[in-house]
C-alpha atoms as a PDB file:
ATOM      1  CA  MET A   1      -7.671  -3.933 -33.935  1.00  0.00           C
ATOM      2  CA  ASP A   2      -9.680  -0.532 -35.021  1.00  0.00           C
ATOM      3  CA  LYS A   3      -8.939   3.030 -33.994  1.00  0.00           C
ATOM      4  CA  ASN A   4     -10.998   2.339 -30.617  1.00  0.00           C
ATOM      5  CA  TYR A   5      -8.198  -0.106 -29.278  1.00  0.00           C
ATOM      6  CA  SER A   6      -5.828   2.972 -27.525  1.00  0.00           C
ATOM      7  CA  GLU A   7      -9.320   4.691 -26.140  1.00  0.00           C
ATOM      8  CA  ASN A   8     -10.614   1.076 -24.778  1.00  0.00           C
ATOM      9  CA  VAL A   9      -7.583  -0.945 -23.739  1.00  0.00           C
ATOM     10  CA  VAL A  10      -6.413  -3.531 -20.801  1.00  0.00           C
ATOM     11  CA  PRO A  11      -2.892  -3.075 -20.399  1.00  0.00           C
ATOM     12  CA  VAL A  12      -1.326  -6.462 -18.974  1.00  0.00           C
ATOM     13  CA  VAL A  13       2.609  -6.783 -18.276  1.00  0.00           C
ATOM     14  CA  TYR A  14       4.506 -10.477 -17.924  1.00  0.00           C
ATOM     15  CA  ALA A  15       8.100 -10.459 -17.288  1.00  0.00           C
ATOM     16  CA  SER A  16       9.906 -14.289 -18.543  1.00  0.00           C
ATOM     17  CA  ASP A  17      12.751 -15.560 -19.533  1.00  0.00           C
ATOM     18  CA  ASP A  18      13.681 -18.737 -21.783  1.00  0.00           C
ATOM     19  CA  LYS A  19      13.209 -20.966 -18.879  1.00  0.00           C
ATOM     20  CA  TYR A  20       9.691 -19.912 -17.848  1.00  0.00           C
ATOM     21  CA  ALA A  21       8.284 -18.631 -21.515  1.00  0.00           C
ATOM     22  CA  PRO A  22       6.383 -22.289 -21.866  1.00  0.00           C
ATOM     23  CA  TYR A  23       4.593 -21.832 -18.520  1.00  0.00           C
ATOM     24  CA  MET A  24       3.910 -17.683 -19.440  1.00  0.00           C
ATOM     25  CA  TYR A  25       2.778 -18.959 -22.901  1.00  0.00           C
ATOM     26  CA  ILE A  26       0.201 -21.090 -20.802  1.00  0.00           C
ATOM     27  CA  SER A  27      -0.511 -17.991 -18.883  1.00  0.00           C
ATOM     28  CA  ILE A  28      -1.376 -15.965 -21.542  1.00  0.00           C
ATOM     29  CA  LYS A  29      -3.561 -18.493 -23.259  1.00  0.00           C
ATOM     30  CA  SER A  30      -5.623 -18.787 -20.059  1.00  0.00           C
ATOM     31  CA  LEU A  31      -6.150 -15.093 -19.903  1.00  0.00           C
ATOM     32  CA  ILE A  32      -7.081 -14.844 -23.802  1.00  0.00           C
ATOM     33  CA  SER A  33      -9.717 -17.775 -23.154  1.00  0.00           C
ATOM     34  CA  HIS A  34     -11.518 -15.454 -20.627  1.00  0.00           C
ATOM     35  CA  THR A  35     -11.406 -11.933 -22.421  1.00  0.00           C
ATOM     36  CA  ASN A  36     -14.350  -9.783 -23.205  1.00  0.00           C
ATOM     37  CA  GLN A  37     -14.853  -9.626 -27.421  1.00  0.00           C
ATOM     38  CA  ASP A  38     -15.977  -6.301 -26.898  1.00  0.00           C
ATOM     39  CA  THR A  39     -12.544  -5.216 -25.253  1.00  0.00           C
ATOM     40  CA  TYR A  40      -9.174  -5.118 -26.271  1.00  0.00           C
ATOM     41  CA  TYR A  41      -6.134  -5.859 -24.357  1.00  0.00           C
ATOM     42  CA  GLN A  42      -2.806  -5.317 -25.026  1.00  0.00           C
ATOM     43  CA  ILE A  43      -0.170  -7.714 -23.518  1.00  0.00           C
ATOM     44  CA  TYR A  44       3.578  -6.692 -23.489  1.00  0.00           C
ATOM     45  CA  VAL A  45       6.404  -9.416 -22.497  1.00  0.00           C
ATOM     46  CA  LEU A  46       9.333  -8.104 -20.680  1.00  0.00           C
ATOM     47  CA  TYR A  47      12.409 -10.453 -21.318  1.00  0.00           C
ATOM     48  CA  THR A  48      16.323  -9.893 -21.752  1.00  0.00           C
ATOM     49  CA  ASN A  49      16.820 -13.719 -22.607  1.00  0.00           C
ATOM     50  CA  LEU A  50      14.072 -14.874 -25.346  1.00  0.00           C
ATOM     51  CA  THR A  51      14.612 -17.150 -28.071  1.00  0.00           C
ATOM     52  CA  ALA A  52      13.062 -15.607 -31.475  1.00  0.00           C
ATOM     53  CA  LYS A  53      11.382 -18.931 -31.651  1.00  0.00           C
ATOM     54  CA  ASN A  54       9.577 -18.087 -28.148  1.00  0.00           C
ATOM     55  CA  LYS A  55       8.857 -14.667 -29.453  1.00  0.00           C
ATOM     56  CA  LYS A  56       6.861 -15.955 -32.092  1.00  0.00           C
ATOM     57  CA  SER A  57       5.048 -18.799 -30.237  1.00  0.00           C
ATOM     58  CA  LEU A  58       3.690 -15.840 -28.109  1.00  0.00           C
ATOM     59  CA  ARG A  59       3.092 -13.611 -30.646  1.00  0.00           C
ATOM     60  CA  GLN A  60       0.835 -16.152 -32.688  1.00  0.00           C
ATOM     61  CA  LEU A  61      -1.647 -15.815 -29.421  1.00  0.00           C
ATOM     62  CA  ALA A  62      -2.633 -12.650 -30.767  1.00  0.00           C
ATOM     63  CA  GLN A  63      -6.077 -12.433 -31.995  1.00  0.00           C
ATOM     64  CA  ASP A  64      -8.941  -9.776 -33.171  1.00  0.00           C
ATOM     65  CA  ASN A  65      -9.332  -8.199 -29.801  1.00  0.00           C
ATOM     66  CA  VAL A  66      -5.743  -9.227 -28.187  1.00  0.00           C
ATOM     67  CA  LYS A  67      -2.184  -7.595 -29.118  1.00  0.00           C
ATOM     68  CA  ILE A  68       1.360  -9.280 -27.723  1.00  0.00           C
ATOM     69  CA  THR A  69       4.280  -7.426 -27.771  1.00  0.00           C
ATOM     70  CA  CYS A  70       7.783  -8.546 -26.465  1.00  0.00           C
ATOM     71  CA  ILE A  71      10.067  -5.943 -25.528  1.00  0.00           C
ATOM     72  CA  ASP A  72      13.797  -6.360 -24.682  1.00  0.00           C
ATOM     73  CA  VAL A  73      14.895  -4.653 -21.198  1.00  0.00           C
ATOM     74  CA  GLN A  74      18.375  -5.348 -21.211  1.00  0.00           C
ATOM     75  CA  GLU A  75      19.359  -1.859 -21.828  1.00  0.00           C
ATOM     76  CA  TYR A  76      17.169  -0.801 -18.357  1.00  0.00           C
ATOM     77  CA  LEU A  77      18.912  -3.881 -16.468  1.00  0.00           C
ATOM     78  CA  LYS A  78      23.160  -3.371 -17.883  1.00  0.00           C
ATOM     79  CA  ASN A  79      23.821  -1.406 -15.033  1.00  0.00           C
ATOM     80  CA  LEU A  80      21.743  -2.326 -12.076  1.00  0.00           C
ATOM     81  CA  LYS A  81      24.070  -4.652  -9.726  1.00  0.00           C
ATOM     82  CA  LEU A  82      21.262  -7.076  -8.449  1.00  0.00           C
ATOM     83  CA  LYS A  83      21.453 -10.999  -8.317  1.00  0.00           C
ATOM     84  CA  GLY A  84      18.549 -13.512  -7.517  1.00  0.00           C
ATOM     85  CA  SER A  85      17.233 -14.900  -4.663  1.00  0.00           C
ATOM     86  CA  GLY A  86      16.744 -18.758  -3.803  1.00  0.00           C
ATOM     87  CA  HIS A  87      13.995 -19.799  -6.753  1.00  0.00           C
ATOM     88  CA  LEU A  88      13.799 -16.427  -8.246  1.00  0.00           C
ATOM     89  CA  SER A  89      15.640 -14.813 -10.890  1.00  0.00           C
ATOM     90  CA  VAL A  90      16.404 -11.130 -11.591  1.00  0.00           C
ATOM     91  CA  ALA A  91      13.830 -11.355 -13.966  1.00  0.00           C
ATOM     92  CA  THR A  92      11.156 -10.962 -11.196  1.00  0.00           C
ATOM     93  CA  CYS A  93      12.392  -6.923 -10.749  1.00  0.00           C
ATOM     94  CA  TYR A  94      11.483  -6.075 -14.569  1.00  0.00           C
ATOM     95  CA  ARG A  95       7.995  -5.187 -12.915  1.00  0.00           C
ATOM     96  CA  LEU A  96       9.706  -2.477 -11.070  1.00  0.00           C
ATOM     97  CA  PHE A  97      10.225  -0.785 -14.352  1.00  0.00           C
ATOM     98  CA  ILE A  98       6.410  -0.732 -15.439  1.00  0.00           C
ATOM     99  CA  ALA A  99       5.632   2.985 -14.271  1.00  0.00           C
ATOM    100  CA  GLU A 100       8.571   4.131 -17.347  1.00  0.00           C
ATOM    101  CA  LEU A 101       8.160   1.676 -19.795  1.00  0.00           C
ATOM    102  CA  PHE A 102       4.157   2.228 -19.825  1.00  0.00           C
ATOM    103  CA  LYS A 103       4.026   5.998 -19.275  1.00  0.00           C
ATOM    104  CA  LYS A 104       0.856   6.122 -21.659  1.00  0.00           C
ATOM    105  CA  HIS A 105      -0.939   3.409 -19.423  1.00  0.00           C
ATOM    106  CA  SER A 106      -2.702   5.311 -16.522  1.00  0.00           C
ATOM    107  CA  LYS A 107      -3.171   2.080 -14.992  1.00  0.00           C
ATOM    108  CA  ILE A 108      -1.552  -1.127 -15.719  1.00  0.00           C
ATOM    109  CA  VAL A 109      -1.854  -4.681 -14.246  1.00  0.00           C
ATOM    110  CA  TYR A 110       1.178  -6.876 -13.689  1.00  0.00           C
ATOM    111  CA  MET A 111       1.076 -10.520 -13.963  1.00  0.00           C
ATOM    112  CA  ASP A 112       3.592 -13.229 -12.855  1.00  0.00           C
ATOM    113  CA  SER A 113       4.191 -16.085 -15.475  1.00  0.00           C
ATOM    114  CA  ASP A 114       3.016 -19.250 -13.193  1.00  0.00           C
ATOM    115  CA  THR A 115      -0.409 -18.182 -12.792  1.00  0.00           C
ATOM    116  CA  VAL A 116      -3.279 -19.371 -14.833  1.00  0.00           C
ATOM    117  CA  ILE A 117      -6.133 -16.807 -15.184  1.00  0.00           C
ATOM    118  CA  LEU A 118     -10.043 -18.108 -14.468  1.00  0.00           C
ATOM    119  CA  ASP A 119     -11.936 -15.127 -14.912  1.00  0.00           C
ATOM    120  CA  ASP A 120     -12.088 -11.822 -17.290  1.00  0.00           C
ATOM    121  CA  ILE A 121      -8.988  -9.764 -16.234  1.00  0.00           C
ATOM    122  CA  GLU A 122     -10.576  -6.837 -17.170  1.00  0.00           C
ATOM    123  CA  LYS A 123     -12.389  -6.906 -13.798  1.00  0.00           C
ATOM    124  CA  PHE A 124      -9.235  -6.782 -12.228  1.00  0.00           C
ATOM    125  CA  TYR A 125      -8.248  -3.770 -14.450  1.00  0.00           C
ATOM    126  CA  ALA A 126     -11.091  -1.920 -13.633  1.00  0.00           C
ATOM    127  CA  ILE A 127     -10.710  -2.051  -9.577  1.00  0.00           C
ATOM    128  CA  ASN A 128     -10.795   1.758  -7.936  1.00  0.00           C
ATOM    129  CA  LEU A 129      -7.382   2.272  -6.010  1.00  0.00           C
ATOM    130  CA  LYS A 130      -9.400   4.858  -3.865  1.00  0.00           C
ATOM    131  CA  GLY A 131      -5.822   7.238  -4.308  1.00  0.00           C
ATOM    132  CA  LYS A 132      -3.267   4.529  -3.660  1.00  0.00           C
ATOM    133  CA  THR A 133      -0.352   3.716  -5.923  1.00  0.00           C
ATOM    134  CA  VAL A 134      -0.355  -0.303  -5.913  1.00  0.00           C
ATOM    135  CA  GLY A 135      -3.959  -2.954  -5.584  1.00  0.00           C
ATOM    136  CA  ALA A 136      -2.498  -6.063  -4.544  1.00  0.00           C
ATOM    137  CA  VAL A 137      -3.811  -9.199  -2.476  1.00  0.00           C
ATOM    138  CA  HIS A 138      -3.123  -9.880   1.097  1.00  0.00           C
ATOM    139  CA  ASP A 139       0.234 -11.922   1.864  1.00  0.00           C
ATOM    140  CA  VAL A 140      -1.149 -15.367   2.954  1.00  0.00           C
ATOM    141  CA  VAL A 141      -0.926 -15.544   6.844  1.00  0.00           C
ATOM    142  CA  CYS A 142       1.707 -18.311   8.159  1.00  0.00           C
ATOM    143  CA  THR A 143       4.279 -19.169  10.652  1.00  0.00           C
ATOM    144  CA  PHE A 144       7.193 -18.541   7.901  1.00  0.00           C
ATOM    145  CA  LEU A 145       5.896 -15.411   6.983  1.00  0.00           C
ATOM    146  CA  VAL A 146       5.457 -13.939  10.119  1.00  0.00           C
ATOM    147  CA  GLU A 147       8.724 -14.252  10.739  1.00  0.00           C
ATOM    148  CA  HIS A 148       9.830 -13.210   7.961  1.00  0.00           C
ATOM    149  CA  TYR A 149       8.053 -10.008   7.432  1.00  0.00           C
ATOM    150  CA  ARG A 150       9.180  -9.012  11.198  1.00  0.00           C
ATOM    151  CA  GLU A 151      12.478  -9.663  10.782  1.00  0.00           C
ATOM    152  CA  SER A 152      13.302  -8.616   7.086  1.00  0.00           C
ATOM    153  CA  ILE A 153      10.628  -6.148   6.848  1.00  0.00           C
ATOM    154  CA  ASP A 154       9.450  -4.932  10.287  1.00  0.00           C
ATOM    155  CA  MET A 155       6.069  -4.543   9.426  1.00  0.00           C
ATOM    156  CA  ASP A 156       3.091  -7.342  10.111  1.00  0.00           C
ATOM    157  CA  VAL A 157       2.436  -9.747   7.670  1.00  0.00           C
ATOM    158  CA  LYS A 158      -1.270  -8.940   8.145  1.00  0.00           C
ATOM    159  CA  ASP A 159      -0.235  -5.622   6.128  1.00  0.00           C
ATOM    160  CA  GLY A 160       1.707  -7.087   3.622  1.00  0.00           C
ATOM    161  CA  PHE A 161       1.209  -8.203   0.104  1.00  0.00           C
ATOM    162  CA  ASN A 162       1.789 -11.151  -2.483  1.00  0.00           C
ATOM    163  CA  ALA A 163       3.336  -8.972  -5.366  1.00  0.00           C
ATOM    164  CA  GLY A 164       2.950 -11.957  -8.388  1.00  0.00           C
ATOM    165  CA  ILE A 165      -0.758 -10.196  -9.199  1.00  0.00           C
ATOM    166  CA  LEU A 166      -0.558  -6.255  -9.178  1.00  0.00           C
ATOM    167  CA  LEU A 167      -2.363  -3.217 -10.085  1.00  0.00           C
ATOM    168  CA  ILE A 168      -0.342  -0.170 -10.173  1.00  0.00           C
ATOM    169  CA  ASP A 169      -1.186   3.863 -10.991  1.00  0.00           C
ATOM    170  CA  THR A 170       1.878   4.271 -13.185  1.00  0.00           C
ATOM    171  CA  LYS A 171       2.046   7.910 -12.520  1.00  0.00           C
ATOM    172  CA  LYS A 172       2.309   8.052  -8.720  1.00  0.00           C
ATOM    173  CA  PHE A 173       4.589   4.986  -9.203  1.00  0.00           C
ATOM    174  CA  ALA A 174       6.656   7.225 -10.763  1.00  0.00           C
ATOM    175  CA  GLU A 175       6.165  10.437  -9.111  1.00  0.00           C
ATOM    176  CA  LYS A 176       6.998   8.558  -5.684  1.00  0.00           C
ATOM    177  CA  LYS A 177       9.987   6.919  -7.283  1.00  0.00           C
ATOM    178  CA  ILE A 178       8.957   3.793  -6.046  1.00  0.00           C
ATOM    179  CA  LYS A 179      11.396   1.727  -8.351  1.00  0.00           C
ATOM    180  CA  GLU A 180      14.500   4.124  -7.710  1.00  0.00           C
ATOM    181  CA  GLU A 181      13.748   3.333  -3.978  1.00  0.00           C
ATOM    182  CA  CYS A 182      13.587  -0.563  -4.502  1.00  0.00           C
ATOM    183  CA  ILE A 183      16.163  -0.743  -6.817  1.00  0.00           C
ATOM    184  CA  ARG A 184      18.832   0.912  -3.914  1.00  0.00           C
ATOM    185  CA  LEU A 185      17.526  -1.722  -1.824  1.00  0.00           C
ATOM    186  CA  LEU A 186      18.054  -4.204  -3.916  1.00  0.00           C
ATOM    187  CA  GLU A 187      21.329  -3.625  -4.881  1.00  0.00           C
ATOM    188  CA  GLU A 188      22.505  -3.237  -1.395  1.00  0.00           C
ATOM    189  CA  ASP A 189      21.352  -6.364  -0.045  1.00  0.00           C
ATOM    190  CA  SER A 190      22.986  -8.571  -3.339  1.00  0.00           C
ATOM    191  CA  GLN A 191      26.292  -7.614  -1.877  1.00  0.00           C
ATOM    192  CA  LYS A 192      25.506  -8.866   1.321  1.00  0.00           C
ATOM    193  CA  LYS A 193      26.987 -12.805   1.951  1.00  0.00           C
ATOM    194  CA  ILE A 194      23.219 -13.610   4.233  1.00  0.00           C
ATOM    195  CA  ARG A 195      20.411 -12.430   2.298  1.00  0.00           C
ATOM    196  CA  LYS A 196      17.824 -10.047   4.191  1.00  0.00           C
ATOM    197  CA  PHE A 197      15.212  -9.682   1.009  1.00  0.00           C
ATOM    198  CA  PHE A 198      14.684 -13.245   0.567  1.00  0.00           C
ATOM    199  CA  TYR A 199      11.776 -12.291  -2.120  1.00  0.00           C
ATOM    200  CA  MET A 200      13.294  -9.511  -3.525  1.00  0.00           C
ATOM    201  CA  ASP A 201      11.416  -7.129  -5.014  1.00  0.00           C
ATOM    202  CA  GLN A 202       8.316  -8.417  -2.987  1.00  0.00           C
ATOM    203  CA  ASP A 203       9.914  -7.547   0.213  1.00  0.00           C
ATOM    204  CA  VAL A 204      11.122  -4.181  -0.932  1.00  0.00           C
ATOM    205  CA  LEU A 205       7.684  -3.596  -2.427  1.00  0.00           C
ATOM    206  CA  ASN A 206       6.219  -4.096   0.668  1.00  0.00           C
ATOM    207  CA  LEU A 207       9.158  -1.875   2.223  1.00  0.00           C
ATOM    208  CA  THR A 208       8.144   0.858   0.246  1.00  0.00           C
ATOM    209  CA  LEU A 209       4.579   0.772  -0.269  1.00  0.00           C
ATOM    210  CA  ARG A 210       3.810   0.846   2.901  1.00  0.00           C
ATOM    211  CA  GLY A 211       0.053   2.404   3.638  1.00  0.00           C
ATOM    212  CA  ASP A 212      -0.279   2.593   0.146  1.00  0.00           C
ATOM    213  CA  ILE A 213      -1.608  -0.447  -0.812  1.00  0.00           C
ATOM    214  CA  PHE A 214      -4.978  -0.800  -1.823  1.00  0.00           C
ATOM    215  CA  PHE A 215      -6.073  -4.956  -0.765  1.00  0.00           C
ATOM    216  CA  ILE A 216      -8.130  -6.594  -3.295  1.00  0.00           C
ATOM    217  CA  ASP A 217      -9.909  -9.566  -2.834  1.00  0.00           C
ATOM    218  CA  ASN A 218      -8.254 -12.907  -2.592  1.00  0.00           C
ATOM    219  CA  SER A 219      -9.390 -14.611  -5.115  1.00  0.00           C
ATOM    220  CA  TRP A 220      -7.315 -12.361  -7.444  1.00  0.00           C
ATOM    221  CA  ASN A 221      -4.251 -13.992  -6.472  1.00  0.00           C
ATOM    222  CA  PHE A 222      -4.843 -17.341  -4.581  1.00  0.00           C
ATOM    223  CA  GLN A 223      -1.723 -18.568  -3.691  1.00  0.00           C
ATOM    224  CA  TRP A 224      -1.440 -22.524  -3.424  1.00  0.00           C
ATOM    225  CA  GLN A 225       1.536 -23.466  -2.163  1.00  0.00           C
ATOM    226  CA  TYR A 226      -0.378 -23.432   1.298  1.00  0.00           C
ATOM    227  CA  LEU A 227      -2.853 -26.654   0.122  1.00  0.00           C
ATOM    228  CA  TRP A 228      -0.284 -28.740   1.658  1.00  0.00           C
ATOM    229  CA  ARG A 229       0.517 -26.804   4.564  1.00  0.00           C
ATOM    230  CA  LEU A 230      -2.735 -25.692   5.821  1.00  0.00           C
ATOM    231  CA  HIS A 231      -1.234 -26.393   9.674  1.00  0.00           C
ATOM    232  CA  THR A 232       0.867 -22.998   9.044  1.00  0.00           C
ATOM    233  CA  ILE A 233      -1.877 -21.181   8.700  1.00  0.00           C
ATOM    234  CA  PRO A 234      -3.353 -19.735  12.338  1.00  0.00           C
ATOM    235  CA  ASP A 235      -6.830 -21.026  12.750  1.00  0.00           C
ATOM    236  CA  GLN A 236      -8.803 -17.477  12.389  1.00  0.00           C
ATOM    237  CA  TYR A 237      -7.064 -17.111   8.744  1.00  0.00           C
ATOM    238  CA  ARG A 238      -7.437 -20.748   7.587  1.00  0.00           C
ATOM    239  CA  GLN A 239     -10.611 -20.939   7.024  1.00  0.00           C
ATOM    240  CA  GLU A 240     -10.850 -17.592   4.591  1.00  0.00           C
ATOM    241  CA  TYR A 241      -8.054 -19.525   2.505  1.00  0.00           C
ATOM    242  CA  VAL A 242      -9.635 -22.540   1.974  1.00  0.00           C
ATOM    243  CA  LYS A 243     -12.953 -20.812   1.251  1.00  0.00           C
ATOM    244  CA  CYS A 244     -11.148 -18.624  -1.389  1.00  0.00           C
ATOM    245  CA  ALA A 245      -9.826 -21.868  -2.793  1.00  0.00           C
ATOM    246  CA  GLU A 246     -13.223 -22.952  -3.907  1.00  0.00           C
ATOM    247  CA  ARG A 247     -13.564 -20.394  -6.572  1.00  0.00           C
ATOM    248  CA  PRO A 248     -10.055 -18.561  -7.525  1.00  0.00           C
ATOM    249  CA  ARG A 249     -10.159 -15.797 -10.126  1.00  0.00           C
ATOM    250  CA  ILE A 250      -6.613 -16.416 -10.506  1.00  0.00           C
ATOM    251  CA  MET A 251      -4.327 -19.388  -9.677  1.00  0.00           C
ATOM    252  CA  HIS A 252      -0.810 -18.339  -8.463  1.00  0.00           C
ATOM    253  CA  TYR A 253       1.272 -21.263  -8.436  1.00  0.00           C
ATOM    254  CA  ALA A 254       3.555 -19.225  -6.152  1.00  0.00           C
ATOM    255  CA  GLY A 255       6.664 -20.882  -3.749  1.00  0.00           C
ATOM    256  CA  ASP A 256       9.637 -23.514  -4.944  1.00  0.00           C
ATOM    257  CA  LYS A 257       6.711 -26.089  -6.206  1.00  0.00           C
ATOM    258  CA  LYS A 258       5.060 -26.031  -9.424  1.00  0.00           C
ATOM    259  CA  PRO A 259       2.877 -27.969 -11.236  1.00  0.00           C
ATOM    260  CA  TRP A 260       4.602 -29.062 -14.282  1.00  0.00           C
ATOM    261  CA  GLU A 261       6.942 -30.710 -12.024  1.00  0.00           C
ATOM    262  CA  ARG A 262       4.290 -31.424  -9.191  1.00  0.00           C
ATOM    263  CA  PRO A 263       0.922 -32.802 -11.235  1.00  0.00           C
ATOM    264  CA  ASP A 264       0.294 -34.858  -8.119  1.00  0.00           C
ATOM    265  CA  LEU A 265      -0.700 -31.651  -5.952  1.00  0.00           C
ATOM    266  CA  GLU A 266      -3.742 -30.363  -5.027  1.00  0.00           C
ATOM    267  CA  MET A 267      -4.922 -28.340  -7.940  1.00  0.00           C
ATOM    268  CA  ALA A 268      -1.791 -28.888 -10.428  1.00  0.00           C
ATOM    269  CA  ASP A 269      -4.933 -30.235 -12.616  1.00  0.00           C
ATOM    270  CA  ILE A 270      -6.011 -26.479 -13.674  1.00  0.00           C
ATOM    271  CA  PHE A 271      -2.751 -25.951 -14.995  1.00  0.00           C
ATOM    272  CA  TRP A 272      -2.416 -29.388 -17.095  1.00  0.00           C
ATOM    273  CA  GLU A 273      -6.200 -28.816 -17.879  1.00  0.00           C
ATOM    274  CA  THR A 274      -4.940 -25.243 -19.290  1.00  0.00           C
ATOM    275  CA  ALA A 275      -1.675 -26.431 -21.026  1.00  0.00           C
ATOM    276  CA  ARG A 276      -3.290 -29.392 -22.499  1.00  0.00           C
ATOM    277  CA  ASP A 277      -4.681 -27.670 -25.593  1.00  0.00           C
ATOM    278  CA  THR A 278      -1.336 -25.284 -26.225  1.00  0.00           C
ATOM    279  CA  ALA A 279       1.379 -25.678 -28.973  1.00  0.00           C
ATOM    280  CA  CYS A 280       3.812 -26.211 -26.081  1.00  0.00           C
ATOM    281  CA  TYR A 281       1.901 -29.107 -24.049  1.00  0.00           C
ATOM    282  CA  GLU A 282       4.730 -31.239 -25.146  1.00  0.00           C
ATOM    283  CA  GLU A 283       7.829 -29.208 -24.867  1.00  0.00           C
ATOM    284  CA  ILE A 284       6.700 -28.907 -20.862  1.00  0.00           C
ATOM    285  CA  LEU A 285       5.845 -32.735 -20.425  1.00  0.00           C
ATOM    286  CA  PHE A 286       9.810 -32.976 -22.054  1.00  0.00           C
ATOM    287  CA  ALA A 287      11.488 -30.644 -19.872  1.00  0.00           C
ATOM    288  CA  ASN A 288       9.821 -31.871 -16.841  1.00  0.00           C
ATOM    289  CA  LEU A 289      10.382 -35.635 -17.005  1.00  0.00           C
ATOM    290  CA  GLY A 290      12.485 -37.471 -14.716  1.00  0.00           C
ATOM    291  CA  ASP A 291      15.530 -38.736 -15.153  1.00  0.00           C
END
């Protein structure tokens, strides 16, 4: 990378552990395959448990306009009293530290590992947040989430966002102490026998950022788990969801079912088409073989 790298860079942050490393590899591979050769991309991988082999594999994805840096965040988490929830691990909370870790970037993209990028992420990064702290896509209005938002966050699901793909104004995020408030809420919740914040950092981010979100076109975070649950989406929202499925810019394999476990599910083929041409294809197959 030449001297202009720092002046013209799209910074993207992932967070993972060894279990999710192969799937993050697929996501990063898909991101790189849609890059603009005239733009530089800096990919950061936050981790606390990542083998030297996995780090090497990730770094080998780098190319002339893409740099990949793995960062151990163990030091930031050692005094936190957090527990995972359902299928979510504590690694999902690493995104709360982005503004603290990357002050040199005024704006930064956060990306979940269970994604396949189908367009140039530079377009997402270029979105004007219009003074808001975070840019995100609306959560899908469905019967379950209507109840969850109302009972756990005391808000209407129509005002909520999915935290799997975020565009963060790092300065505003730090100044408003979003991380500190989110950590406080999560630590309190982790001590309870019955958890309130089932979606962990997504729930508390919605709570602390209420009214401070710039909503981005849904195609930048198409959440696949409703493809086989269309009946749970009210009529007035279903058509928009189905239309978005026709041309997603980012496939987000959110939810408890994943394409590497359920290749039979609709649009799982997008993941496998990307995975098939990677060094970790056989590893993913082996990890998901039945007993």
